[in-house]
Protein backbone atom coordinates (compact mmCIF):
# COMPACT_ATOMS: atom_id res chain seq x y z
CA MET A 1 53.26 -0.87 -84.54
CA TYR A 2 55.72 -0.84 -81.63
CA GLN A 3 59.35 -1.68 -81.05
CA LYS A 4 59.46 -3.63 -77.82
CA GLU A 5 56.87 -4.95 -75.36
CA LEU A 6 56.95 -3.47 -71.89
CA SER A 7 56.86 -6.95 -70.37
CA ASN A 8 60.29 -7.48 -71.95
CA ILE A 9 61.64 -4.23 -70.49
CA PHE A 10 60.18 -3.99 -66.99
CA ASN A 11 59.89 -6.48 -64.17
CA LYS A 12 56.79 -7.05 -62.06
CA GLN A 13 57.70 -4.09 -59.83
CA GLY A 14 57.88 -1.79 -62.87
CA ASP A 15 61.70 -1.41 -63.02
CA ASP A 16 63.92 -2.06 -66.03
CA HIS A 17 67.22 -3.96 -65.77
CA GLU A 18 68.95 -0.84 -64.48
CA GLY A 19 66.26 0.00 -61.96
CA TYR A 20 64.60 2.80 -63.92
CA ARG A 21 60.84 3.27 -64.06
CA TRP A 22 58.59 3.89 -67.07
CA ASN A 23 58.47 7.70 -66.80
CA TRP A 24 62.20 8.09 -66.24
CA ARG A 25 63.43 7.50 -69.79
CA TYR A 26 60.69 5.77 -71.77
CA THR A 27 58.23 7.88 -73.72
CA ALA A 28 55.42 6.97 -76.09
CA GLU A 29 55.68 8.88 -79.36
CA ARG A 30 52.35 9.78 -80.90
CA THR A 31 51.44 10.19 -84.54
CA SER A 32 49.44 13.12 -85.89
CA ASN A 33 46.87 11.04 -87.79
CA GLN A 34 45.30 9.21 -84.87
CA ASN A 35 42.40 6.80 -84.87
CA ILE A 36 40.34 6.71 -81.70
CA VAL A 37 39.86 3.93 -79.19
CA TYR A 38 37.07 4.53 -76.66
CA SER A 39 37.31 2.12 -73.75
CA ILE A 40 35.05 1.74 -70.76
CA GLY A 41 35.01 -0.66 -67.83
CA ASP A 42 35.80 -0.85 -64.14
CA SER A 43 39.23 -0.70 -62.48
CA TRP A 44 40.55 -3.41 -64.80
CA LEU A 45 40.54 -0.80 -67.59
CA SER A 46 40.55 2.45 -65.66
CA PHE A 47 42.97 5.18 -66.69
CA THR A 48 44.46 4.89 -63.20
CA ASN A 49 45.49 1.36 -64.17
CA ASP A 50 49.12 1.96 -65.12
CA TYR A 51 49.51 -1.40 -66.87
CA TYR A 52 46.62 -0.87 -69.28
CA ARG A 53 47.41 2.79 -69.97
CA LYS A 54 51.13 2.31 -70.55
CA VAL A 55 50.69 -0.74 -72.75
CA PHE A 56 48.21 1.16 -74.88
CA PHE A 57 50.49 4.18 -75.29
CA ASN A 58 53.51 1.99 -76.02
CA ASN A 59 51.92 -0.44 -78.46
CA PHE A 60 49.32 1.66 -80.29
CA LYS A 61 50.93 5.03 -80.93
CA GLU A 62 48.72 5.61 -83.98
CA HIS A 63 45.61 5.61 -81.74
CA MET A 64 44.22 8.18 -79.34
CA LEU A 65 42.70 6.71 -76.18
CA ILE A 66 39.47 7.98 -74.66
CA ASP A 67 39.15 6.06 -71.42
CA ARG A 68 35.84 6.45 -69.57
CA SER A 69 36.44 3.64 -67.08
CA ILE A 70 35.94 4.20 -63.36
CA SER A 71 36.96 1.96 -60.47
CA GLY A 72 33.86 0.16 -59.26
CA MET A 73 31.83 1.22 -62.31
CA SER A 74 28.55 -0.61 -62.79
CA ASN A 75 27.41 -2.01 -66.12
CA SER A 76 24.35 0.22 -66.17
CA LEU A 77 26.55 3.30 -65.72
CA MET A 78 28.77 2.13 -68.58
CA ILE A 79 25.73 1.97 -70.86
CA GLN A 80 24.47 5.38 -69.71
CA THR A 81 27.91 6.94 -70.20
CA ILE A 82 28.25 5.65 -73.76
CA GLU A 83 24.73 6.83 -74.60
CA LYS A 84 25.50 10.33 -73.32
CA ASP A 85 28.84 10.46 -75.16
CA MET A 86 27.43 9.26 -78.45
CA ALA A 87 26.26 12.67 -79.72
CA LEU A 88 29.79 14.03 -79.38
CA LEU A 89 31.45 10.91 -80.76
CA HIS A 90 29.33 11.07 -83.90
CA THR A 91 30.93 14.44 -84.69
CA PHE A 92 34.45 13.00 -84.82
CA ASP A 93 35.80 12.60 -88.33
CA ARG A 94 37.99 9.66 -87.39
CA PRO A 95 37.42 5.91 -87.03
CA ILE A 96 36.40 4.90 -83.50
CA THR A 97 36.84 1.48 -81.95
CA PHE A 98 34.93 0.76 -78.73
CA ILE A 99 36.28 -1.58 -76.07
CA VAL A 100 33.57 -2.40 -73.51
CA SER A 101 34.60 -4.48 -70.51
CA PHE A 102 31.54 -5.31 -68.42
CA SER A 103 31.99 -5.99 -64.73
CA GLU A 104 29.96 -8.04 -62.27
CA VAL A 105 26.23 -7.45 -62.19
CA GLY A 106 24.84 -5.72 -59.10
CA ARG A 107 27.25 -2.86 -58.52
CA SER A 108 24.25 -0.56 -58.80
CA ILE A 109 20.58 -1.15 -58.16
CA ASN A 110 20.09 0.27 -61.67
CA ASP A 111 21.47 -3.04 -62.93
CA LEU A 112 18.34 -4.71 -61.56
CA ILE A 113 15.82 -2.43 -63.25
CA GLY A 114 13.80 -3.86 -66.09
CA ILE A 115 14.03 -7.61 -65.46
CA SER A 116 11.85 -9.29 -62.84
CA PRO A 117 13.54 -11.86 -60.58
CA SER A 118 10.35 -13.90 -60.24
CA GLU A 119 11.16 -16.12 -63.22
CA TYR A 120 14.60 -17.17 -61.95
CA ARG A 121 15.68 -19.70 -59.34
CA THR A 122 19.13 -18.38 -58.45
CA THR A 123 20.98 -15.09 -58.23
CA HIS A 124 23.33 -16.12 -61.02
CA GLU A 125 20.52 -17.13 -63.37
CA TYR A 126 18.91 -13.76 -62.74
CA PHE A 127 22.15 -11.80 -63.10
CA GLY A 128 23.06 -13.77 -66.21
CA GLU A 129 19.86 -12.65 -67.92
CA ILE A 130 20.58 -9.06 -66.86
CA LEU A 131 24.10 -9.20 -68.30
CA ARG A 132 22.90 -10.66 -71.59
CA GLU A 133 20.32 -7.89 -71.85
CA GLN A 134 23.01 -5.29 -71.10
CA TYR A 135 25.13 -6.85 -73.82
CA ASN A 136 22.23 -6.57 -76.29
CA GLN A 137 21.78 -2.92 -75.35
CA ILE A 138 25.45 -2.16 -75.98
CA CYS A 139 25.43 -3.98 -79.32
CA ASP A 140 22.45 -1.91 -80.43
CA ILE A 141 24.12 1.34 -79.38
CA LEU A 142 27.40 0.43 -81.11
CA LYS A 143 25.92 -1.15 -84.23
CA ASP A 144 27.45 1.55 -86.46
CA PHE A 145 30.91 1.34 -84.86
CA THR A 146 33.75 -1.15 -84.70
CA HIS A 147 33.68 -2.69 -81.23
CA TYR A 148 34.81 -5.47 -78.92
CA VAL A 149 32.55 -6.26 -75.96
CA THR A 150 33.73 -8.55 -73.18
CA THR A 151 34.30 -8.58 -69.40
CA GLY A 152 36.87 -7.78 -66.77
CA PHE A 153 36.71 -8.98 -63.16
CA VAL A 154 34.15 -11.64 -64.09
CA THR A 155 34.25 -14.30 -66.79
CA ASN A 156 32.53 -13.68 -70.12
CA ASN A 157 29.46 -15.89 -70.38
CA PHE A 158 27.46 -13.96 -73.00
CA ASN A 159 29.51 -14.10 -76.22
CA THR A 160 32.58 -15.82 -77.64
CA ASN A 161 34.98 -12.92 -77.07
CA LYS A 162 37.86 -13.55 -74.73
CA SER A 163 37.74 -11.81 -71.36
CA ILE A 164 40.71 -9.99 -69.87
CA ILE A 165 40.81 -12.82 -67.32
CA ASP A 166 41.55 -15.29 -70.11
CA PHE A 167 44.91 -13.57 -70.61
CA CYS A 168 45.84 -13.68 -66.90
CA LYS A 169 46.84 -17.38 -66.97
CA PRO A 170 44.24 -18.91 -64.61
CA LYS A 171 45.28 -22.20 -63.10
CA LEU A 172 41.78 -23.54 -62.35
CA PRO A 173 38.86 -24.48 -64.61
CA LYS A 174 36.59 -21.54 -65.35
CA PRO A 175 33.36 -21.63 -63.29
CA ASN A 176 30.36 -21.60 -65.59
CA ASN A 177 27.69 -18.93 -65.42
CA ALA A 178 28.95 -16.96 -62.43
CA PHE A 179 28.08 -13.29 -62.71
CA THR A 180 29.17 -11.66 -59.46
CA VAL A 181 32.02 -12.00 -56.98
CA TYR A 182 31.10 -12.10 -53.29
CA SER A 183 32.63 -8.74 -52.41
CA ASN A 184 30.30 -5.83 -53.11
CA GLY A 185 27.42 -6.33 -50.66
CA ILE A 186 24.92 -7.39 -53.31
CA PHE A 187 23.94 -10.61 -51.52
CA GLU A 188 23.19 -8.69 -48.32
CA TYR A 189 20.97 -6.37 -50.37
CA LEU A 190 19.10 -9.33 -51.91
CA LYS A 191 18.77 -11.20 -48.60
CA ASP A 192 17.17 -8.15 -46.99
CA ARG A 193 14.51 -8.37 -49.71
CA LYS A 194 13.92 -12.10 -49.59
CA GLN A 195 10.24 -11.66 -50.41
CA ILE A 196 11.34 -10.35 -53.83
CA PHE A 197 14.53 -12.33 -54.44
CA GLU A 198 13.58 -15.86 -53.45
CA PHE A 199 16.93 -17.46 -54.17
CA ASP A 200 19.10 -20.09 -52.52
CA PHE A 201 21.76 -17.70 -51.31
CA ALA A 202 24.01 -20.37 -49.82
CA SER A 203 24.66 -21.99 -53.20
CA ASP A 204 24.78 -18.59 -54.91
CA VAL A 205 27.49 -17.35 -52.56
CA GLU A 206 29.41 -20.59 -53.05
CA LYS A 207 29.46 -20.07 -56.82
CA SER A 208 30.64 -16.48 -56.35
CA LEU A 209 33.45 -17.68 -54.11
CA GLU A 210 34.41 -20.19 -56.82
CA LEU A 211 34.73 -17.26 -59.23
CA LYS A 212 36.83 -15.35 -56.71
CA THR A 213 39.12 -18.36 -56.24
CA TYR A 214 39.40 -18.70 -60.02
CA ILE A 215 40.59 -15.09 -60.36
CA GLU A 216 42.96 -15.52 -57.42
CA SER A 217 44.50 -18.53 -59.17
CA CYS A 218 45.67 -16.43 -62.11
CA GLU A 219 49.40 -15.98 -62.45
CA TYR A 220 48.91 -12.36 -63.50
CA THR A 221 46.55 -11.16 -60.72
CA ASP A 222 47.26 -9.97 -57.20
CA ASP A 223 45.44 -10.17 -53.86
CA SER A 224 43.15 -7.30 -54.87
CA LEU A 225 41.86 -9.40 -57.81
CA HIS A 226 43.51 -7.17 -60.42
CA PRO A 227 46.14 -7.84 -63.09
CA ASP A 228 49.55 -6.85 -61.74
CA GLN A 229 51.76 -7.12 -64.84
CA TYR A 230 51.99 -5.71 -68.36
CA LYS A 231 51.72 -9.06 -70.13
CA PRO A 232 47.96 -9.72 -69.87
CA TYR A 233 47.17 -6.26 -71.25
CA GLU A 234 49.61 -6.71 -74.12
CA LEU A 235 47.94 -10.00 -75.00
CA PHE A 236 44.44 -8.61 -74.51
CA LEU A 237 44.91 -5.47 -76.62
CA ASP A 238 46.62 -7.38 -79.41
CA HIS A 239 43.69 -9.79 -79.43
CA VAL A 240 41.11 -6.99 -79.39
CA MET A 241 42.70 -5.16 -82.30
CA ALA A 242 42.85 -8.38 -84.31
CA ASN A 243 39.26 -9.44 -83.52
CA LYS A 244 37.21 -6.24 -83.28
CA LYS A 245 34.04 -6.29 -85.38
């Protein structure tokens, strides 16, 4: 599949032992008979993420990558994007593997459409139901394709697939059933509509901060809560290719 892992060539700053960068003298040869990998997620999988992109090109030269990820992408937009792309993808006469990496719930108000908050006591209970429903939607859309559905930026609490975070070497126990990190203004939005979202925001925020601390504890993440080395993506992609369904 590949000759040498990038984590064994480059240091954390992206230099090899002689101080050269990836594009200086390392190229990824491609094969003519390419299978297709379609990936979508937020900045943890975005094409602007050099670690993910370079690992893919280096380790899976027999695959063509279609990356539809966008920094800050919401789960509802991921679903809409795949639905719109499906007509074109069905015309491809090549095997397609889908990698879907859901992010935190609440990056768009469209995430909140379709499920009433009245039956839930906390933000995370409500968001958890939303994420499970989004997972069911994706599974229905991709039922005829090989796929691997998980999360990036938040822990995976809806199926048994490993999250990208699981490969970042966290040093703390994983917080259970936390579905958003306190960083995107969603709690302010909910608090301003307290007559609709009657939740205990103090405890909800505390659980989100636990999730943030958990991500910060990872050996392979930086202060921006993103992986900052090749290794987690090497481990993640190897795992995905071995466990796709």
